[in-house]
Protein backbone atom coordinates (compact mmCIF):
# COMPACT_ATOMS: atom_id res chain seq x y z
CA UNK A 1 -22.93 11.15 0.48
CA UNK A 2 -20.54 13.25 -1.60
CA UNK A 3 -19.96 15.52 1.40
CA UNK A 4 -19.32 12.45 3.56
CA UNK A 5 -16.56 11.18 1.25
CA UNK A 6 -15.18 14.66 0.65
CA UNK A 7 -14.62 14.94 4.40
CA UNK A 8 -12.16 12.07 4.27
CA UNK A 9 -10.36 13.25 1.17
CA UNK A 10 -12.02 10.99 -1.41
CA UNK A 11 -12.29 12.86 -4.69
CA UNK A 12 -15.36 11.85 -6.67
CA UNK A 13 -15.48 12.74 -10.35
CA UNK A 14 -18.38 10.45 -11.22
CA UNK A 15 -22.03 11.22 -11.75
CA UNK A 16 -24.26 9.74 -9.09
CA UNK A 17 -25.52 7.09 -11.48
CA UNK A 18 -21.93 5.98 -12.13
CA UNK A 19 -21.13 5.26 -8.48
CA UNK A 20 -21.26 1.61 -7.53
CA UNK A 21 -21.73 0.00 -4.13
CA UNK A 22 -18.03 -0.79 -3.87
CA UNK A 23 -17.26 2.88 -3.36
CA UNK A 24 -19.30 2.89 -0.16
CA UNK A 25 -18.60 -0.60 1.14
CA UNK A 26 -14.82 -0.61 0.69
CA UNK A 27 -14.07 2.09 3.31
CA UNK A 28 -16.44 0.35 5.73
CA UNK A 29 -14.65 -2.95 5.20
CA UNK A 30 -11.36 -1.17 5.86
CA UNK A 31 -12.86 0.19 9.08
CA UNK A 32 -13.96 -3.31 10.13
CA UNK A 33 -10.43 -4.65 9.53
CA UNK A 34 -9.03 -1.95 11.80
CA UNK A 35 -11.61 -2.02 14.57
CA UNK A 36 -12.09 -5.78 14.68
CA UNK A 37 -8.88 -6.25 16.65
CA UNK A 38 -8.95 -2.95 18.55
CA UNK A 39 -5.77 -1.80 16.84
CA UNK A 40 -4.03 1.00 18.71
CA UNK A 41 -1.65 2.04 15.94
CA UNK A 42 -2.19 1.41 12.23
CA UNK A 43 0.85 1.69 9.91
CA UNK A 44 -0.31 3.29 6.66
CA UNK A 45 0.96 5.39 3.80
CA UNK A 46 0.03 9.05 3.63
CA UNK A 47 -2.62 8.32 1.01
CA UNK A 48 -4.38 5.94 3.41
CA UNK A 49 -4.74 8.27 6.40
CA UNK A 50 -8.40 8.91 5.63
CA UNK A 51 -9.22 5.23 6.19
CA UNK A 52 -7.96 5.44 9.77
CA UNK A 53 -9.74 8.77 10.30
CA UNK A 54 -12.99 7.18 9.18
CA UNK A 55 -12.41 4.22 11.51
CA UNK A 56 -11.83 6.63 14.41
CA UNK A 57 -15.04 8.53 13.67
CA UNK A 58 -17.14 5.37 13.41
CA UNK A 59 -15.63 3.92 16.59
CA UNK A 60 -16.07 7.20 18.46
CA UNK A 61 -19.69 7.49 17.37
CA UNK A 62 -20.44 3.92 18.47
CA UNK A 63 -18.73 4.42 21.83
CA UNK A 64 -20.69 7.62 22.43
CA UNK A 65 -24.01 6.23 21.26
CA UNK A 66 -23.88 2.82 22.94
CA UNK A 67 -20.90 1.82 25.07
CA UNK A 68 -17.11 2.12 25.21
CA UNK A 69 -16.18 -0.91 23.12
CA UNK A 70 -13.78 0.21 20.42
CA UNK A 71 -10.26 1.55 20.72
CA UNK A 72 -9.72 4.76 18.74
CA UNK A 73 -6.83 3.89 16.41
CA UNK A 74 -3.92 6.23 15.73
CA UNK A 75 -2.13 6.67 12.42
CA UNK A 76 1.48 5.53 12.32
CA UNK A 77 3.56 6.77 9.41
CA UNK A 78 7.19 5.97 8.71
CA UNK A 79 8.63 9.41 7.98
CA UNK A 80 11.48 7.80 6.03
CA UNK A 81 9.10 6.17 3.55
CA UNK A 82 7.56 8.37 0.88
CA UNK A 83 4.86 7.56 -1.63
CA UNK A 84 6.39 5.31 -4.27
CA UNK A 85 6.02 6.68 -7.77
CA UNK A 86 5.29 4.55 -10.80
CA UNK A 87 6.81 4.28 -14.25
CA UNK A 88 5.06 7.46 -15.39
CA UNK A 89 5.75 9.57 -12.29
CA UNK A 90 2.29 9.21 -10.79
CA UNK A 91 1.54 7.14 -7.70
CA UNK A 92 2.43 3.52 -8.42
CA UNK A 93 -0.89 1.74 -8.87
CA UNK A 94 -2.28 -1.20 -10.80
CA UNK A 95 -5.16 1.07 -11.78
CA UNK A 96 -2.71 3.28 -13.66
CA UNK A 97 -0.83 0.36 -15.19
CA UNK A 98 2.48 1.89 -14.08
CA UNK A 99 3.79 -0.80 -11.72
CA UNK A 100 6.84 -3.03 -11.64
CA UNK A 101 5.53 -6.55 -10.89
CA UNK A 102 7.46 -7.97 -7.94
CA UNK A 103 7.22 -11.66 -8.70
CA UNK A 104 8.33 -11.71 -12.35
CA UNK A 105 11.73 -12.98 -13.50
CA UNK A 106 14.80 -10.81 -14.02
CA UNK A 107 14.19 -10.30 -17.73
CA UNK A 108 10.60 -9.11 -17.25
CA UNK A 109 11.69 -6.78 -14.46
CA UNK A 110 14.18 -5.17 -16.82
CA UNK A 111 11.44 -4.87 -19.43
CA UNK A 112 9.20 -3.02 -16.96
CA UNK A 113 12.01 -0.74 -15.80
CA UNK A 114 12.76 0.16 -19.41
CA UNK A 115 9.30 1.78 -19.58
CA UNK A 116 10.15 4.40 -16.95
CA UNK A 117 9.80 7.83 -18.48
CA UNK A 118 12.96 9.91 -18.94
CA UNK A 119 13.89 13.05 -20.82
CA UNK A 120 15.94 13.30 -24.02
CA UNK A 121 19.29 14.07 -22.42
CA UNK A 122 22.14 12.19 -24.06
CA UNK A 123 24.78 10.07 -22.31
CA UNK A 124 27.36 12.41 -20.85
CA UNK A 125 24.90 15.22 -20.15
CA UNK A 126 24.40 16.01 -16.43
CA UNK A 127 21.06 14.81 -15.08
CA UNK A 128 19.12 15.72 -11.94
CA UNK A 129 17.20 13.26 -9.70
CA UNK A 130 13.89 15.05 -10.33
CA UNK A 131 14.10 14.58 -14.10
CA UNK A 132 12.76 11.02 -13.98
CA UNK A 133 10.82 8.82 -11.54
CA UNK A 134 13.67 6.34 -12.00
CA UNK A 135 15.60 8.01 -9.19
CA UNK A 136 12.77 7.76 -6.65
CA UNK A 137 12.28 4.08 -7.43
CA UNK A 138 16.03 3.42 -7.16
CA UNK A 139 16.12 5.22 -3.78
CA UNK A 140 13.41 2.87 -2.45
CA UNK A 141 15.75 -0.10 -2.93
CA UNK A 142 19.09 1.54 -2.12
CA UNK A 143 20.99 2.55 1.00
CA UNK A 144 21.68 6.26 1.60
CA UNK A 145 25.28 5.74 0.46
CA UNK A 146 24.15 3.99 -2.73
CA UNK A 147 21.62 6.74 -3.39
CA UNK A 148 24.29 9.41 -3.00
CA UNK A 149 26.57 7.53 -5.39
CA UNK A 150 23.75 7.15 -7.91
CA UNK A 151 23.01 10.88 -7.68
CA UNK A 152 26.65 11.66 -8.41
CA UNK A 153 26.71 9.30 -11.38
CA UNK A 154 23.67 11.04 -12.85
CA UNK A 155 25.32 14.42 -12.37
CA UNK A 156 28.37 13.11 -14.21
CA UNK A 157 26.28 12.08 -17.21
CA UNK A 158 25.19 8.50 -16.58
CA UNK A 159 23.07 7.37 -19.54
CA UNK A 160 19.42 6.70 -18.82
CA UNK A 161 19.77 3.24 -20.35
CA UNK A 162 22.59 2.37 -17.97
CA UNK A 163 20.67 3.82 -15.05
CA UNK A 164 17.74 1.56 -15.89
CA UNK A 165 20.04 -1.47 -15.97
CA UNK A 166 21.37 -0.50 -12.54
CA UNK A 167 17.83 -0.15 -11.17
CA UNK A 168 16.68 -3.49 -12.57
CA UNK A 169 19.76 -5.19 -11.11
CA UNK A 170 19.08 -3.59 -7.72
CA UNK A 171 15.44 -4.74 -7.72
CA UNK A 172 16.30 -8.26 -8.84
CA UNK A 173 18.99 -8.60 -6.16
CA UNK A 174 16.61 -7.36 -3.46
CA UNK A 175 13.80 -9.71 -4.49
CA UNK A 176 15.79 -12.83 -5.34
CA UNK A 177 15.09 -14.58 -2.02
CA UNK A 178 11.42 -13.48 -1.70
CA UNK A 179 10.80 -14.62 -5.28
CA UNK A 180 12.23 -18.03 -4.48
CA UNK A 181 9.95 -18.29 -1.46
CA UNK A 182 6.98 -17.11 -3.54
CA UNK A 183 7.64 -19.76 -6.17
CA UNK A 184 7.83 -22.48 -3.51
CA UNK A 185 4.53 -21.41 -1.98
CA UNK A 186 2.62 -21.05 -5.25
CA UNK A 187 3.80 -24.51 -6.26
CA UNK A 188 2.02 -25.89 -3.18
CA UNK A 189 -1.52 -24.39 -2.99
CA UNK A 190 -2.49 -26.77 -0.19
CA UNK A 191 0.13 -25.25 2.07
CA UNK A 192 -1.15 -21.77 1.33
CA UNK A 193 -4.70 -22.87 2.13
CA UNK A 194 -3.55 -24.37 5.45
CA UNK A 195 -1.86 -21.09 6.38
CA UNK A 196 -4.94 -19.07 5.45
CA UNK A 197 -7.28 -21.33 7.40
CA UNK A 198 -5.05 -21.22 10.48
CA UNK A 199 -4.98 -17.43 10.29
CA UNK A 200 -8.74 -17.24 9.81
CA UNK A 201 -9.34 -19.46 12.83
CA UNK A 202 -7.07 -17.30 14.97
CA UNK A 203 -8.77 -14.13 13.75
CA UNK A 204 -12.28 -15.46 14.37
CA UNK A 205 -11.41 -16.46 17.92
CA UNK A 206 -10.28 -12.94 18.76
CA UNK A 207 -12.96 -11.14 16.77
CA UNK A 208 -15.78 -13.19 18.30
CA UNK A 209 -15.09 -11.71 21.75
CA UNK A 210 -15.36 -8.16 20.43
CA UNK A 211 -18.38 -8.94 18.27
CA UNK A 212 -20.21 -10.32 21.31
CA UNK A 213 -19.47 -7.07 23.14
CA UNK A 214 -20.84 -5.07 20.20
CA UNK A 215 -24.02 -7.15 20.05
CA UNK A 216 -24.53 -6.76 23.76
CA UNK A 217 -23.98 -3.00 23.59
CA UNK A 218 -26.66 -2.51 20.92
CA UNK A 219 -29.11 -4.87 22.61
CA UNK A 220 -28.75 -7.95 20.42
CA UNK A 221 -28.59 -10.51 23.19
CA UNK A 222 -30.44 -13.49 24.54
CA UNK A 223 -33.46 -12.67 26.69
CA UNK A 224 -32.90 -13.45 30.34
């Protein structure tokens, strides 16, 4: 199984007895999500390409072994969107504890931003964008013109503390409306449940057609 996961770029550093079922079932569930609706293009980040590759291989094997049922999905990557780094410069991930929670208030956002690692350069000393993950996070929320201006300000000696205030302000401004919507929804769980149930019903209706085709292809059908 290690060779199977290595093929798709999963790096395993656990002993066999430390591997749980979730490691095996999660990629299969991802494959089901993709193939269930015969997706033609799947928008993913670069670190998720292997999920689509696995879905293609499983679909291709089924089509070859039984019947042409599944569409072979293609990866779709936005070349303008890079992997977002976290507070410590690694990939932003809850597992690493280096995220900026989206739905917190302005004060807590500033508190998270303040944890971004920087070097010891003093205010007034020129700084380069690659000296802190702060720049990459700022760029994710800024226009090209704003990014260029921010780069110039760093070069002219912008203090890291001031840069962090600018980033927190940019994030809070960007998320003000979504946060308001989020608060309204979470205050009404019944509405959320209605939306989820409506989506589930729509999904089941479409998935049932494909599932019937799969069952028929492998011979799970009523005797006639």
